[in-house]
Amino acid sequence: MLEAVRCVEESGPLDDAEALHAALRASDEDVARLAARARILGDRLGLRATIARARNAAPWVLIGLALLVVLAGAGLAGKVVGAEDGGRRINAVAALGSLLGLHLITLLVWLIGLVWSPGSWRHSLGGWWLSLSARIAAGRQGQAPLLLQAATRLLTRARMLPWVLGLASHTVWTLSFAVALGGLLFALAFRRYTLGWETTILEPGFFVRLVHGLGYVPSLLGFPVPSAASILSATGGAAPIDPPGQRDWALWMTGCLALYGLLPRFLLALLCVALLRARKAALLRPDVQAPYYRQILQRIAALQPASCIVDADPGRQPSAMQAASLPAEATSDAQIAIGFELAPNHTWPPSAWPEDVPVWSCDGSATSRAQVLARLAETRPRRVLLVCDAAASPDRGTERFVREVLARCGGVGLYLSRTVEDSGAQNGSVTATSPAPLAQRWQTWLVDTRLPVRLVTSAGAWLGRDQEHTE
């Protein structure tokens, strides 16, 4: 589902405001949030139902392809043991070539695609299976290319595409060879055939070398190989070969078919199964470091409300770095108030705040800090009133932010505000004075960090305004 939605959004982002909020509520884990968003968008686009149909259709499509190949194998075996004349004569070398020829060509194509040409999967039996499954599942909705693109990308990223398609192809070929071999053995067991070879331009010695070369590996497993005399006597115009010689020819042909056809496909199918099991975990987990997913996760994280730190920063040592502000000649006449990491229930600024003193806000995130600091670098104000929550505890992040603000203005005053619950007010406004323990904690922090910041109790006095107009 994730990869399908990603393919859809390549042509343009979707309206996902509702999905982002649902993902935020779903979990704190990145993968779960991405999956929740994709699930909601996929339901809206009908992708979930289409993917479910594709999963249900894929086994039946594979069975259908297997039946076609099995019937073709049975027909080929029937053609091989069919009577060429009244004596039921079979050209064993040509029959073996017709049984193994297409198999060897397709196997070679798969091996080449595995190493040098990953895009050749489209022309394989597994590629046909994947394409047919997507077309059947999509129906008339026109989503077959989307499903195919999502599936191939997902399998390619997990390094599973050639092995999934290979498993489908090798399984079908294994069934085909099993049927062809069974039909061939049944026909040779209960009917009399004359096996040999025929040629017009090739020398008899060529067939001796060919039969012995192909029969070497099967002979290691006990399959007999016709002797040179039997091979030379088994020509189209020769007398019928004796029964023991005919038996060697029949077992040689079935041994070559089993060793060069059935066994390689069966072993490759087992290899595909083993590799797919080993890489299954990579298929189920998206690459959250990809730019597409990182952007989504950042948008989800931006929906989280800023939280105040209420526990003291343990183990903080007094800072030895002295912060410095801009000289007076390098600043402008502007004065700015900045609300830093204020909770949503703070009402800041007060209703009577002077219009010529801009009020900025910083929720503590990296993006918000960068924006505020960039604006300060352009404005270079004479004074900055930094408004913080009195109940919060200053930490290293607060210290770093204050130092960066100091480097971009002429001076900083720290004003501690309290919420309605802290102050006992009824109208949601802040009060001018914080309780002594809270203010003392901030004052101690200023001393420890050696920050040249003044803890003020009146915003109006600090900004040169009458207190009654600003508090």
Protein backbone atom coordinates (compact mmCIF):
# COMPACT_ATOMS: atom_id res chain seq x y z
CA MET A 1 0.00 0.00 0.00
CA LEU A 2 2.83 2.40 0.88
CA GLU A 3 4.56 1.95 -2.47
CA ALA A 4 1.28 2.23 -4.41
CA VAL A 5 0.42 5.56 -2.76
CA ARG A 6 3.98 6.73 -3.39
CA CYS A 7 3.59 5.98 -7.11
CA VAL A 8 0.30 7.90 -7.18
CA GLU A 9 1.88 10.95 -5.55
CA GLU A 10 4.66 11.09 -8.12
CA SER A 11 2.18 12.88 -10.39
CA GLY A 12 1.20 15.31 -7.63
CA PRO A 13 0.63 15.32 -3.84
CA LEU A 14 -2.70 14.15 -2.49
CA ASP A 15 -4.93 16.02 -0.05
CA ASP A 16 -3.78 14.25 3.10
CA ALA A 17 -4.61 16.63 5.97
CA GLU A 18 -7.01 14.15 7.57
CA ALA A 19 -4.62 11.26 6.94
CA LEU A 20 -1.73 13.10 8.63
CA HIS A 21 -3.75 13.75 11.78
CA ALA A 22 -4.90 10.13 11.85
CA ALA A 23 -1.29 8.96 11.46
CA LEU A 24 -0.23 11.21 14.35
CA ARG A 25 -2.87 9.62 16.59
CA ALA A 26 -2.12 6.10 15.39
CA SER A 27 1.37 5.58 16.82
CA ASP A 28 4.67 7.12 17.84
CA GLU A 29 6.58 4.79 15.49
CA ASP A 30 7.58 6.06 12.04
CA VAL A 31 6.64 2.97 10.03
CA ALA A 32 3.25 2.70 11.73
CA ARG A 33 2.51 6.35 10.99
CA LEU A 34 3.44 5.97 7.34
CA ALA A 35 1.31 2.84 7.07
CA ALA A 36 -1.69 4.55 8.68
CA ARG A 37 -1.50 7.48 6.26
CA ALA A 38 -1.12 5.19 3.25
CA ARG A 39 -4.04 3.03 4.42
CA ILE A 40 -6.39 6.02 4.60
CA LEU A 41 -5.32 7.40 1.22
CA GLY A 42 -5.42 3.92 -0.31
CA ASP A 43 -9.00 3.41 0.87
CA ARG A 44 -9.98 6.72 -0.68
CA LEU A 45 -8.42 5.76 -4.04
CA GLY A 46 -9.72 2.19 -3.98
CA LEU A 47 -6.18 0.79 -3.91
CA ARG A 48 -6.71 -1.49 -0.94
CA ALA A 49 -9.51 -3.41 -2.66
CA THR A 50 -7.48 -3.60 -5.87
CA ILE A 51 -4.41 -4.92 -4.07
CA ALA A 52 -6.56 -7.50 -2.26
CA ARG A 53 -7.94 -8.68 -5.60
CA ALA A 54 -4.41 -8.91 -6.99
CA ARG A 55 -3.31 -11.09 -4.07
CA ASN A 56 -6.28 -13.37 -4.58
CA ALA A 57 -5.83 -13.53 -8.35
CA ALA A 58 -2.06 -14.17 -8.37
CA PRO A 59 -2.22 -17.87 -7.29
CA TRP A 60 -4.96 -18.64 -9.82
CA VAL A 61 -3.08 -16.93 -12.63
CA LEU A 62 0.01 -18.96 -11.75
CA ILE A 63 -2.04 -22.17 -11.73
CA GLY A 64 -3.48 -21.25 -15.13
CA LEU A 65 -0.02 -20.66 -16.58
CA ALA A 66 1.18 -23.91 -15.04
CA LEU A 67 -1.70 -25.82 -16.66
CA LEU A 68 -0.90 -24.34 -20.05
CA VAL A 69 2.78 -25.25 -19.76
CA VAL A 70 1.94 -28.72 -18.41
CA LEU A 71 -0.44 -29.35 -21.31
CA ALA A 72 2.26 -28.13 -23.68
CA GLY A 73 4.74 -30.50 -22.05
CA ALA A 74 2.33 -33.38 -22.26
CA GLY A 75 1.64 -32.58 -25.90
CA LEU A 76 5.35 -32.39 -26.62
CA ALA A 77 5.94 -35.73 -24.93
CA GLY A 78 3.08 -37.21 -26.91
CA LYS A 79 4.57 -35.88 -30.11
CA VAL A 80 7.95 -37.34 -29.22
CA VAL A 81 6.55 -40.85 -28.66
CA GLY A 82 4.08 -40.58 -31.51
CA ALA A 83 4.62 -42.95 -34.40
CA GLU A 84 6.74 -41.45 -37.13
CA ASP A 85 6.06 -44.50 -39.22
CA GLY A 86 4.53 -47.92 -38.83
CA GLY A 87 7.46 -49.08 -36.72
CA ARG A 88 7.14 -46.32 -34.11
CA ARG A 89 10.64 -45.06 -34.75
CA ILE A 90 11.93 -42.10 -32.61
CA ASN A 91 14.91 -39.92 -33.42
CA ALA A 92 16.18 -39.83 -29.82
CA VAL A 93 18.62 -36.95 -30.33
CA ALA A 94 16.06 -34.72 -32.03
CA ALA A 95 13.40 -35.62 -29.45
CA LEU A 96 15.70 -34.68 -26.59
CA GLY A 97 16.53 -31.39 -28.29
CA SER A 98 12.84 -30.53 -28.69
CA LEU A 99 12.15 -31.32 -25.03
CA LEU A 100 15.09 -29.31 -23.65
CA GLY A 101 15.53 -26.56 -26.24
CA LEU A 102 12.99 -23.95 -25.04
CA HIS A 103 13.81 -24.72 -21.42
CA LEU A 104 17.53 -24.04 -21.93
CA ILE A 105 16.84 -20.81 -23.83
CA THR A 106 14.50 -19.40 -21.15
CA LEU A 107 16.85 -20.49 -18.37
CA LEU A 108 19.73 -18.71 -20.07
CA VAL A 109 17.61 -15.55 -20.45
CA TRP A 110 16.75 -15.66 -16.74
CA LEU A 111 20.40 -16.06 -15.73
CA ILE A 112 21.49 -13.20 -17.99
CA GLY A 113 18.74 -10.98 -16.60
CA LEU A 114 19.77 -11.88 -13.06
CA VAL A 115 23.32 -10.66 -13.61
CA TRP A 116 23.30 -8.06 -16.39
CA SER A 117 19.80 -7.02 -17.38
CA PRO A 118 17.27 -6.66 -14.51
CA GLY A 119 14.69 -5.20 -16.91
CA SER A 120 14.41 -8.45 -18.87
CA TRP A 121 11.90 -9.81 -16.34
CA ARG A 122 9.03 -8.48 -18.47
CA HIS A 123 9.72 -11.12 -21.11
CA SER A 124 9.91 -14.04 -18.68
CA LEU A 125 7.20 -16.41 -17.58
CA GLY A 126 7.24 -14.76 -14.14
CA GLY A 127 6.83 -11.35 -15.77
CA TRP A 128 3.76 -12.55 -17.64
CA TRP A 129 2.34 -13.88 -14.39
CA LEU A 130 2.87 -10.55 -12.60
CA SER A 131 1.40 -8.54 -15.49
CA LEU A 132 -1.67 -10.76 -15.84
CA SER A 133 -2.34 -10.65 -12.09
CA ALA A 134 -2.25 -6.82 -12.14
CA ARG A 135 -4.55 -6.60 -15.18
CA ILE A 136 -7.10 -9.02 -13.75
CA ALA A 137 -7.13 -7.24 -10.36
CA ALA A 138 -7.43 -3.75 -11.85
CA GLY A 139 -10.22 -4.65 -14.26
CA ARG A 140 -11.53 -1.58 -16.04
CA GLN A 141 -10.23 0.87 -13.44
CA GLY A 142 -6.99 1.35 -15.35
CA GLN A 143 -4.78 0.79 -12.28
CA ALA A 144 -2.83 -2.16 -13.72
CA PRO A 145 0.27 -0.06 -14.60
CA LEU A 146 0.20 1.47 -11.11
CA LEU A 147 0.02 -1.93 -9.41
CA LEU A 148 2.76 -3.29 -11.64
CA GLN A 149 5.02 -0.30 -10.97
CA ALA A 150 4.45 -0.47 -7.20
CA ALA A 151 5.05 -4.23 -7.06
CA THR A 152 8.25 -4.13 -9.10
CA ARG A 153 9.64 -1.18 -7.13
CA LEU A 154 8.87 -2.84 -3.82
CA LEU A 155 10.44 -6.13 -4.88
CA THR A 156 13.43 -4.41 -6.45
CA ARG A 157 14.13 -2.38 -3.31
CA ALA A 158 14.07 -5.58 -1.24
CA ARG A 159 16.26 -7.34 -3.88
CA MET A 160 13.52 -9.90 -4.39
CA LEU A 161 12.19 -9.22 -7.90
CA PRO A 162 14.27 -11.79 -9.86
CA TRP A 163 13.67 -14.41 -7.19
CA VAL A 164 9.89 -13.92 -7.03
CA LEU A 165 9.62 -14.10 -10.81
CA GLY A 166 12.13 -16.93 -10.88
CA LEU A 167 10.10 -18.92 -8.36
CA ALA A 168 7.01 -18.63 -10.54
CA SER A 169 8.92 -19.59 -13.69
CA HIS A 170 10.88 -22.47 -12.17
CA THR A 171 7.79 -23.90 -10.50
CA VAL A 172 5.88 -23.96 -13.77
CA TRP A 173 8.80 -25.53 -15.63
CA THR A 174 9.26 -28.14 -12.88
CA LEU A 175 5.64 -29.21 -13.23
CA SER A 176 5.96 -29.27 -17.00
CA PHE A 177 9.03 -31.51 -16.92
CA ALA A 178 7.46 -33.78 -14.32
CA VAL A 179 4.44 -34.33 -16.57
CA ALA A 180 6.55 -34.74 -19.72
CA LEU A 181 8.90 -37.18 -17.99
CA GLY A 182 6.01 -39.17 -16.55
CA GLY A 183 4.27 -39.38 -19.92
CA LEU A 184 7.50 -40.39 -21.65
CA LEU A 185 8.26 -43.15 -19.13
CA PHE A 186 4.69 -44.44 -19.32
CA ALA A 187 4.82 -44.63 -23.12
CA LEU A 188 8.26 -46.27 -23.18
CA ALA A 189 7.23 -48.78 -20.51
CA PHE A 190 4.12 -50.08 -22.25
CA ARG A 191 4.81 -49.65 -25.96
CA ARG A 192 7.65 -50.76 -28.22
CA TYR A 193 9.70 -48.06 -29.90
CA THR A 194 12.83 -48.04 -31.98
CA LEU A 195 15.16 -45.25 -30.86
CA GLY A 196 18.07 -44.00 -32.91
CA TRP A 197 19.29 -41.03 -34.91
CA GLU A 198 19.13 -39.75 -38.45
CA THR A 199 21.17 -37.24 -40.41
CA THR A 200 21.88 -36.03 -43.90
CA ILE A 201 25.04 -33.98 -43.52
CA LEU A 202 26.55 -34.92 -40.12
CA GLU A 203 29.11 -37.67 -39.61
CA PRO A 204 28.29 -40.69 -37.42
CA GLY A 205 31.18 -39.81 -35.12
CA PHE A 206 29.42 -36.59 -34.16
CA PHE A 207 26.50 -38.53 -32.66
CA VAL A 208 28.86 -40.84 -30.79
CA ARG A 209 30.54 -37.86 -29.11
CA LEU A 210 27.23 -36.10 -28.50
CA VAL A 211 25.50 -39.09 -26.89
CA HIS A 212 28.51 -39.89 -24.70
CA GLY A 213 28.96 -36.23 -23.70
CA LEU A 214 25.33 -35.74 -22.72
CA GLY A 215 25.23 -39.08 -20.95
CA TYR A 216 28.29 -38.48 -18.76
CA VAL A 217 26.48 -36.71 -15.86
CA PRO A 218 23.45 -39.07 -15.89
CA SER A 219 25.86 -42.05 -15.92
CA LEU A 220 27.22 -40.86 -12.56
CA LEU A 221 23.76 -41.45 -11.16
CA GLY A 222 23.40 -44.90 -12.72
CA PHE A 223 21.78 -44.15 -16.06
CA PRO A 224 23.24 -46.24 -18.89
CA VAL A 225 24.87 -44.74 -21.97
CA PRO A 226 24.60 -46.52 -25.34
CA SER A 227 27.87 -47.95 -26.58
CA ALA A 228 29.59 -46.64 -29.67
CA ALA A 229 28.57 -49.79 -31.59
CA SER A 230 24.93 -49.32 -30.59
CA ILE A 231 25.02 -45.67 -31.61
CA LEU A 232 26.57 -46.41 -35.00
CA SER A 233 24.06 -49.18 -35.67
CA ALA A 234 21.04 -47.07 -34.66
CA THR A 235 20.74 -45.17 -37.96
CA GLY A 236 17.58 -44.68 -39.96
CA GLY A 237 18.43 -47.39 -42.47
CA ALA A 238 20.02 -49.89 -40.09
CA ALA A 239 18.49 -53.09 -38.84
CA PRO A 240 16.46 -52.96 -35.64
CA ILE A 241 18.60 -52.70 -32.54
CA ASP A 242 18.54 -55.51 -30.00
CA PRO A 243 16.29 -55.01 -26.90
CA PRO A 244 19.16 -54.31 -24.43
CA GLY A 245 20.45 -51.59 -26.74
CA GLN A 246 16.97 -50.07 -27.05
CA ARG A 247 16.66 -50.04 -23.27
CA ASP A 248 19.96 -48.11 -22.98
CA TRP A 249 18.70 -45.54 -25.51
CA ALA A 250 15.40 -45.07 -23.64
CA LEU A 251 17.08 -44.69 -20.23
CA TRP A 252 19.70 -42.35 -21.70
CA MET A 253 16.98 -40.06 -23.04
CA THR A 254 14.96 -40.06 -19.80
CA GLY A 255 18.11 -39.53 -17.72
CA CYS A 256 19.13 -36.52 -19.80
CA LEU A 257 15.61 -35.11 -19.52
CA ALA A 258 15.62 -35.51 -15.72
CA LEU A 259 19.18 -34.23 -15.15
CA TYR A 260 19.19 -31.31 -17.60
CA GLY A 261 15.53 -30.33 -17.39
CA LEU A 262 13.67 -31.32 -14.23
CA LEU A 263 16.51 -31.19 -11.66
CA PRO A 264 17.87 -27.67 -12.43
CA ARG A 265 14.41 -26.12 -12.34
CA PHE A 266 13.54 -27.89 -9.10
CA LEU A 267 16.78 -26.81 -7.39
CA LEU A 268 16.41 -23.22 -8.60
CA ALA A 269 12.85 -23.11 -7.25
CA LEU A 270 14.15 -24.21 -3.83
CA LEU A 271 16.88 -21.55 -4.00
CA CYS A 272 14.29 -18.86 -4.75
CA VAL A 273 12.18 -19.96 -1.78
CA ALA A 274 15.20 -19.81 0.56
CA LEU A 275 16.24 -16.34 -0.60
CA LEU A 276 12.70 -14.98 -0.40
CA ARG A 277 12.38 -16.16 3.18
CA ALA A 278 15.72 -14.55 4.06
CA ARG A 279 14.73 -11.19 2.56
CA LYS A 280 11.09 -11.10 3.65
CA ALA A 281 11.80 -8.63 6.47
CA ALA A 282 13.17 -6.06 4.01
CA LEU A 283 9.95 -6.27 2.00
CA LEU A 284 7.76 -5.42 4.99
CA ARG A 285 9.75 -2.38 6.18
CA PRO A 286 9.95 0.77 4.04
CA ASP A 287 13.09 2.87 3.76
CA VAL A 288 12.12 5.68 6.14
CA GLN A 289 15.31 7.55 5.24
CA ALA A 290 14.10 8.13 1.69
CA PRO A 291 13.34 11.82 1.00
CA TYR A 292 9.68 11.04 0.24
CA TYR A 293 9.08 9.37 3.59
CA ARG A 294 11.22 11.85 5.53
CA GLN A 295 9.08 14.71 4.22
CA ILE A 296 5.88 12.96 5.30
CA LEU A 297 7.26 12.21 8.76
CA GLN A 298 8.33 15.84 9.20
CA ARG A 299 4.84 17.01 8.27
CA ILE A 300 3.36 14.61 10.82
CA ALA A 301 5.81 15.74 13.50
CA ALA A 302 4.94 19.38 12.80
CA LEU A 303 1.36 18.67 13.92
CA GLN A 304 2.51 17.82 17.43
CA PRO A 305 1.99 20.60 19.97
CA ALA A 306 5.10 22.00 21.61
CA SER A 307 5.65 20.68 25.11
CA CYS A 308 7.34 22.40 28.02
CA ILE A 309 10.16 20.79 29.98
CA VAL A 310 9.16 20.69 33.63
CA ASP A 311 12.09 18.65 34.94
CA ALA A 312 15.44 20.22 35.66
CA ASP A 313 18.30 19.38 33.31
CA PRO A 314 20.41 16.87 35.30
CA GLY A 315 24.13 17.07 35.37
CA ARG A 316 24.45 20.49 33.76
CA GLN A 317 27.70 22.16 34.59
CA PRO A 318 28.22 25.94 34.72
CA SER A 319 29.13 27.23 31.27
CA ALA A 320 32.57 28.69 30.71
CA MET A 321 31.59 30.41 27.45
CA GLN A 322 30.74 34.06 27.74
CA ALA A 323 27.96 35.15 25.39
CA ALA A 324 28.22 38.55 23.71
CA SER A 325 25.61 40.82 22.15
CA LEU A 326 25.92 43.22 19.25
CA PRO A 327 27.43 46.65 19.88
CA ALA A 328 24.97 49.55 19.91
CA GLU A 329 26.18 50.97 16.58
CA ALA A 330 25.45 47.63 14.87
CA THR A 331 21.79 47.49 15.94
CA SER A 332 18.64 49.18 14.78
CA ASP A 333 16.06 50.97 16.96
CA ALA A 334 13.64 48.03 16.77
CA GLN A 335 12.41 46.21 19.87
CA ILE A 336 10.97 42.70 19.56
CA ALA A 337 9.19 40.29 21.91
CA ILE A 338 9.62 36.54 21.34
CA GLY A 339 7.43 33.89 22.98
CA PHE A 340 9.67 30.82 23.38
CA GLU A 341 8.12 27.35 23.88
CA LEU A 342 4.93 28.75 25.39
CA ALA A 343 2.14 26.26 26.02
CA PRO A 344 -1.16 26.68 24.11
CA ASN A 345 -2.97 27.94 27.24
CA HIS A 346 -0.73 31.00 27.43
CA THR A 347 -2.26 34.24 26.20
CA TRP A 348 0.59 36.27 24.88
CA PRO A 349 0.85 39.10 24.15
CA PRO A 350 -1.69 40.86 26.38
CA SER A 351 -4.55 42.69 24.72
CA ALA A 352 -3.00 46.15 25.34
CA TRP A 353 0.32 45.31 23.72
CA PRO A 354 1.81 48.28 21.79
CA GLU A 355 1.60 47.94 18.02
CA ASP A 356 5.15 49.17 17.40
CA VAL A 357 6.65 46.19 19.27
CA PRO A 358 6.39 43.09 17.03
CA VAL A 359 5.59 39.78 18.73
CA TRP A 360 7.17 36.63 17.34
CA SER A 361 6.73 33.03 18.38
CA CYS A 362 9.11 30.07 18.52
CA ASP A 363 7.77 26.59 19.40
CA GLY A 364 11.28 25.18 19.97
CA SER A 365 11.51 23.09 16.80
CA ALA A 366 14.59 23.33 14.59
CA THR A 367 12.58 24.91 11.77
CA SER A 368 10.98 27.52 14.02
CA ARG A 369 14.31 28.44 15.63
CA ALA A 370 15.97 28.84 12.26
CA GLN A 371 13.20 31.13 11.04
CA VAL A 372 13.30 33.35 14.13
CA LEU A 373 17.09 33.61 14.09
CA ALA A 374 17.08 34.47 10.40
CA ARG A 375 14.61 37.30 10.99
CA LEU A 376 16.69 38.56 13.92
CA ALA A 377 19.79 38.60 11.73
CA GLU A 378 17.95 40.84 9.27
CA THR A 379 16.40 43.15 11.90
CA ARG A 380 19.29 43.39 14.46
CA PRO A 381 16.99 44.87 17.13
CA ARG A 382 18.22 47.02 19.97
CA ARG A 383 16.40 44.92 22.55
CA VAL A 384 14.67 41.53 22.63
CA LEU A 385 12.16 40.54 25.29
CA LEU A 386 12.28 36.74 25.57
CA VAL A 387 9.07 35.41 27.13
CA CYS A 388 9.30 31.93 28.69
CA ASP A 389 7.04 29.74 30.79
CA ALA A 390 7.82 30.25 34.47
CA ALA A 391 6.92 26.60 35.26
CA ALA A 392 9.37 25.21 32.70
CA SER A 393 12.97 24.39 33.48
CA PRO A 394 15.71 25.84 31.27
CA ASP A 395 17.88 23.29 29.51
CA ARG A 396 20.75 23.19 27.04
CA GLY A 397 18.38 23.94 24.17
CA THR A 398 17.17 27.09 25.93
CA GLU A 399 20.74 28.18 26.62
CA ARG A 400 21.77 27.64 23.01
CA PHE A 401 18.80 29.62 21.73
CA VAL A 402 19.45 32.55 24.11
CA ARG A 403 23.12 32.68 23.04
CA GLU A 404 22.10 32.75 19.36
CA VAL A 405 19.55 35.53 20.06
CA LEU A 406 22.17 37.55 21.95
CA ALA A 407 24.52 37.33 18.98
CA ARG A 408 21.88 39.01 16.79
CA CYS A 409 20.66 41.88 19.02
CA GLY A 410 21.83 44.53 21.46
CA GLY A 411 20.45 42.93 24.64
CA VAL A 412 17.99 40.37 25.96
CA GLY A 413 15.55 40.58 28.83
CA LEU A 414 13.97 37.42 30.19
CA TYR A 415 10.32 37.66 31.19
CA LEU A 416 8.61 34.75 32.95
CA SER A 417 4.91 34.33 32.30
CA ARG A 418 2.44 32.05 34.04
CA THR A 419 -0.70 30.30 32.87
CA VAL A 420 -4.20 30.91 34.24
CA GLU A 421 -3.86 27.96 36.57
CA ASP A 422 -0.56 29.28 37.93
CA SER A 423 -1.73 32.81 38.48
CA GLY A 424 -5.30 32.28 39.53
CA ALA A 425 -6.51 34.83 36.94
CA GLN A 426 -9.89 34.44 35.33
CA ASN A 427 -9.37 35.99 31.92
CA GLY A 428 -6.50 33.86 30.58
CA SER A 429 -3.92 36.67 30.78
CA VAL A 430 -0.41 36.38 32.15
CA THR A 431 0.81 38.04 35.33
CA ALA A 432 3.81 40.25 35.82
CA THR A 433 5.49 38.45 38.69
CA SER A 434 6.25 34.76 39.02
CA PRO A 435 6.44 32.99 42.38
CA ALA A 436 9.78 33.32 44.04
CA PRO A 437 10.87 29.65 43.73
CA LEU A 438 10.24 29.64 39.99
CA ALA A 439 12.04 32.92 39.40
CA GLN A 440 14.94 31.81 41.61
CA ARG A 441 15.41 28.69 39.49
CA TRP A 442 15.75 30.79 36.34
CA GLN A 443 18.00 33.29 38.07
CA THR A 444 20.32 30.50 39.23
CA TRP A 445 20.39 29.15 35.66
CA LEU A 446 21.40 32.58 34.31
CA VAL A 447 24.25 32.75 36.78
CA ASP A 448 25.43 29.21 36.01
CA THR A 449 25.38 29.76 32.25
CA ARG A 450 27.02 33.22 32.54
CA LEU A 451 24.45 34.66 30.18
CA PRO A 452 24.33 38.50 30.20
CA VAL A 453 20.54 38.42 30.40
CA ARG A 454 18.42 40.36 32.85
CA LEU A 455 15.46 38.71 34.54
CA VAL A 456 12.73 41.37 34.31
CA THR A 457 9.38 41.49 36.07
CA SER A 458 7.88 44.22 33.92
CA ALA A 459 7.80 43.98 30.14
CA GLY A 460 6.85 47.65 29.92
CA ALA A 461 9.81 48.82 31.99
CA TRP A 462 12.23 46.78 29.93
CA LEU A 463 10.86 48.09 26.65
CA GLY A 464 10.60 51.67 27.90
CA ARG A 465 6.79 51.59 28.13
CA ASP A 466 4.51 52.32 31.04
CA GLN A 467 3.73 49.10 32.84
CA GLU A 468 -0.01 49.77 32.85
CA HIS A 469 -0.08 49.64 29.06
CA THR A 470 1.80 46.41 28.63
CA GLU A 471 0.93 44.20 31.54
